[in-house]
Amino acid sequence: MRNGDPIWIHAVRKPVKTGIDYAPLLEEWVSEYEAREAAIYCHYTPERFYQVDWWERAQCVAQYRLHRLVEMHTEDAIEQASERDMRRQRRGR
């Protein structure tokens, strides 16, 4: 939750644009990059990840995405607090 709402409905203020494109080949599929990251997050090797059933893979990807979303919002909140503190310090001078 962020400000009382589910975290996934909030956008981060300043998303990072890396220029790296790793879109899935088909809309319903998960990109290979994200699948490998989800596998590692769930303590699978990428090779073993593709051997488990689709439901387990889907749960790993969902958990990984939620983890990343929470990380991004945490970083965003820290940045907002830092900016707020800097503004307060400037006014206090």
C-alpha atoms as a PDB file:
ATOM      1  CA  MET A   1       0.000   0.000   0.000  1.00  0.00           C
ATOM      2  CA  ARG A   2       1.105   3.526  -0.679  1.00  0.00           C
ATOM      3  CA  ASN A   3      -0.915   6.331   0.856  1.00  0.00           C
ATOM      4  CA  GLY A   4      -3.696   3.837   1.585  1.00  0.00           C
ATOM      5  CA  ASP A   5      -4.028   2.607  -2.015  1.00  0.00           C
ATOM      6  CA  PRO A   6      -2.693  -0.554  -3.687  1.00  0.00           C
ATOM      7  CA  ILE A   7       0.854   0.150  -4.820  1.00  0.00           C
ATOM      8  CA  TRP A   8       0.291  -0.964  -8.418  1.00  0.00           C
ATOM      9  CA  ILE A   9      -2.153   1.873  -9.130  1.00  0.00           C
ATOM     10  CA  HIS A  10       0.485   4.518  -8.342  1.00  0.00           C
ATOM     11  CA  ALA A  11       3.051   5.553 -10.899  1.00  0.00           C
ATOM     12  CA  VAL A  12       6.510   6.530  -9.739  1.00  0.00           C
ATOM     13  CA  ARG A  13       7.233  10.208 -10.273  1.00  0.00           C
ATOM     14  CA  LYS A  14      10.424   9.853 -12.261  1.00  0.00           C
ATOM     15  CA  PRO A  15      10.723   6.445 -13.915  1.00  0.00           C
ATOM     16  CA  VAL A  16      14.246   5.605 -14.996  1.00  0.00           C
ATOM     17  CA  LYS A  17      14.671   5.404 -18.760  1.00  0.00           C
ATOM     18  CA  THR A  18      17.574   3.058 -19.408  1.00  0.00           C
ATOM     19  CA  GLY A  19      17.113   2.772 -23.155  1.00  0.00           C
ATOM     20  CA  ILE A  20      17.209  -1.000 -22.773  1.00  0.00           C
ATOM     21  CA  ASP A  21      14.355  -2.742 -24.582  1.00  0.00           C
ATOM     22  CA  TYR A  22      13.425  -6.223 -23.461  1.00  0.00           C
ATOM     23  CA  ALA A  23       9.827  -6.542 -24.583  1.00  0.00           C
ATOM     24  CA  PRO A  24       8.317 -10.012 -24.934  1.00  0.00           C
ATOM     25  CA  LEU A  25       7.940 -11.431 -28.414  1.00  0.00           C
ATOM     26  CA  LEU A  26       4.215 -11.927 -27.883  1.00  0.00           C
ATOM     27  CA  GLU A  27       1.976  -9.817 -25.707  1.00  0.00           C
ATOM     28  CA  GLU A  28       1.051 -12.639 -23.301  1.00  0.00           C
ATOM     29  CA  TRP A  29       4.626 -13.847 -22.834  1.00  0.00           C
ATOM     30  CA  VAL A  30       7.207 -12.723 -20.349  1.00  0.00           C
ATOM     31  CA  SER A  31      10.464 -11.462 -21.831  1.00  0.00           C
ATOM     32  CA  GLU A  32      13.450 -13.746 -21.443  1.00  0.00           C
ATOM     33  CA  TYR A  33      15.238 -11.108 -19.373  1.00  0.00           C
ATOM     34  CA  GLU A  34      12.356 -10.804 -16.913  1.00  0.00           C
ATOM     35  CA  ALA A  35      11.896 -14.584 -16.766  1.00  0.00           C
ATOM     36  CA  ARG A  36      15.575 -15.031 -15.899  1.00  0.00           C
ATOM     37  CA  GLU A  37      15.393 -12.341 -13.225  1.00  0.00           C
ATOM     38  CA  ALA A  38      12.249 -13.962 -11.781  1.00  0.00           C
ATOM     39  CA  ALA A  39      13.986 -17.348 -11.800  1.00  0.00           C
ATOM     40  CA  ILE A  40      16.937 -15.975  -9.857  1.00  0.00           C
ATOM     41  CA  TYR A  41      14.607 -14.139  -7.470  1.00  0.00           C
ATOM     42  CA  CYS A  42      12.789 -17.446  -6.771  1.00  0.00           C
ATOM     43  CA  HIS A  43      16.095 -19.326  -6.332  1.00  0.00           C
ATOM     44  CA  TYR A  44      15.935 -21.297  -9.566  1.00  0.00           C
ATOM     45  CA  THR A  45      18.560 -21.536 -12.241  1.00  0.00           C
ATOM     46  CA  PRO A  46      17.137 -20.272 -15.522  1.00  0.00           C
ATOM     47  CA  GLU A  47      17.361 -23.811 -16.892  1.00  0.00           C
ATOM     48  CA  ARG A  48      15.426 -25.281 -13.941  1.00  0.00           C
ATOM     49  CA  PHE A  49      12.884 -22.443 -14.065  1.00  0.00           C
ATOM     50  CA  TYR A  50      11.689 -23.553 -17.507  1.00  0.00           C
ATOM     51  CA  GLN A  51      11.237 -27.107 -16.214  1.00  0.00           C
ATOM     52  CA  VAL A  52       8.759 -26.217 -13.453  1.00  0.00           C
ATOM     53  CA  ASP A  53       5.077 -26.020 -14.339  1.00  0.00           C
ATOM     54  CA  TRP A  54       3.607 -22.829 -15.787  1.00  0.00           C
ATOM     55  CA  TRP A  55       1.719 -21.946 -12.578  1.00  0.00           C
ATOM     56  CA  GLU A  56       4.907 -21.924 -10.505  1.00  0.00           C
ATOM     57  CA  ARG A  57       6.645 -19.799 -13.166  1.00  0.00           C
ATOM     58  CA  ALA A  58       3.685 -17.399 -13.233  1.00  0.00           C
ATOM     59  CA  GLN A  59       3.778 -17.056  -9.451  1.00  0.00           C
ATOM     60  CA  CYS A  60       7.527 -16.382  -9.540  1.00  0.00           C
ATOM     61  CA  VAL A  61       7.114 -13.701 -12.207  1.00  0.00           C
ATOM     62  CA  ALA A  62       4.242 -12.086 -10.297  1.00  0.00           C
ATOM     63  CA  GLN A  63       6.223 -12.066  -7.037  1.00  0.00           C
ATOM     64  CA  TYR A  64       9.290 -10.672  -8.808  1.00  0.00           C
ATOM     65  CA  ARG A  65       7.221  -7.905 -10.432  1.00  0.00           C
ATOM     66  CA  LEU A  66       5.653  -6.976  -7.108  1.00  0.00           C
ATOM     67  CA  HIS A  67       9.090  -6.955  -5.451  1.00  0.00           C
ATOM     68  CA  ARG A  68      10.462  -4.614  -8.142  1.00  0.00           C
ATOM     69  CA  LEU A  69       7.398  -2.379  -7.865  1.00  0.00           C
ATOM     70  CA  VAL A  70       7.872  -2.032  -4.111  1.00  0.00           C
ATOM     71  CA  GLU A  71      11.585  -1.273  -4.669  1.00  0.00           C
ATOM     72  CA  MET A  72      10.765   1.451  -7.195  1.00  0.00           C
ATOM     73  CA  HIS A  73       8.202   3.052  -4.887  1.00  0.00           C
ATOM     74  CA  THR A  74      10.603   2.859  -1.955  1.00  0.00           C
ATOM     75  CA  GLU A  75      13.301   4.598  -3.988  1.00  0.00           C
ATOM     76  CA  ASP A  76      10.751   7.188  -5.134  1.00  0.00           C
ATOM     77  CA  ALA A  77       9.649   7.885  -1.542  1.00  0.00           C
ATOM     78  CA  ILE A  78      13.266   8.230  -0.401  1.00  0.00           C
ATOM     79  CA  GLU A  79      13.946  10.677  -3.227  1.00  0.00           C
ATOM     80  CA  GLN A  80      10.834  12.703  -2.360  1.00  0.00           C
ATOM     81  CA  ALA A  81      11.882  12.882   1.302  1.00  0.00           C
ATOM     82  CA  SER A  82      15.395  13.925   0.321  1.00  0.00           C
ATOM     83  CA  GLU A  83      14.073  16.680  -1.948  1.00  0.00           C
ATOM     84  CA  ARG A  84      11.723  17.866   0.809  1.00  0.00           C
ATOM     85  CA  ASP A  85      14.597  17.986   3.310  1.00  0.00           C
ATOM     86  CA  MET A  86      16.777  19.946   0.879  1.00  0.00           C
ATOM     87  CA  ARG A  87      13.990  22.487   0.337  1.00  0.00           C
ATOM     88  CA  ARG A  88      13.579  22.883   4.113  1.00  0.00           C
ATOM     89  CA  GLN A  89      17.303  23.405   4.560  1.00  0.00           C
ATOM     90  CA  ARG A  90      17.374  26.065   1.843  1.00  0.00           C
ATOM     91  CA  ARG A  91      14.495  27.938   3.496  1.00  0.00           C
ATOM     92  CA  GLY A  92      16.168  27.709   6.898  1.00  0.00           C
ATOM     93  CA  ARG A  93      19.335  29.465   5.739  1.00  0.00           C
END
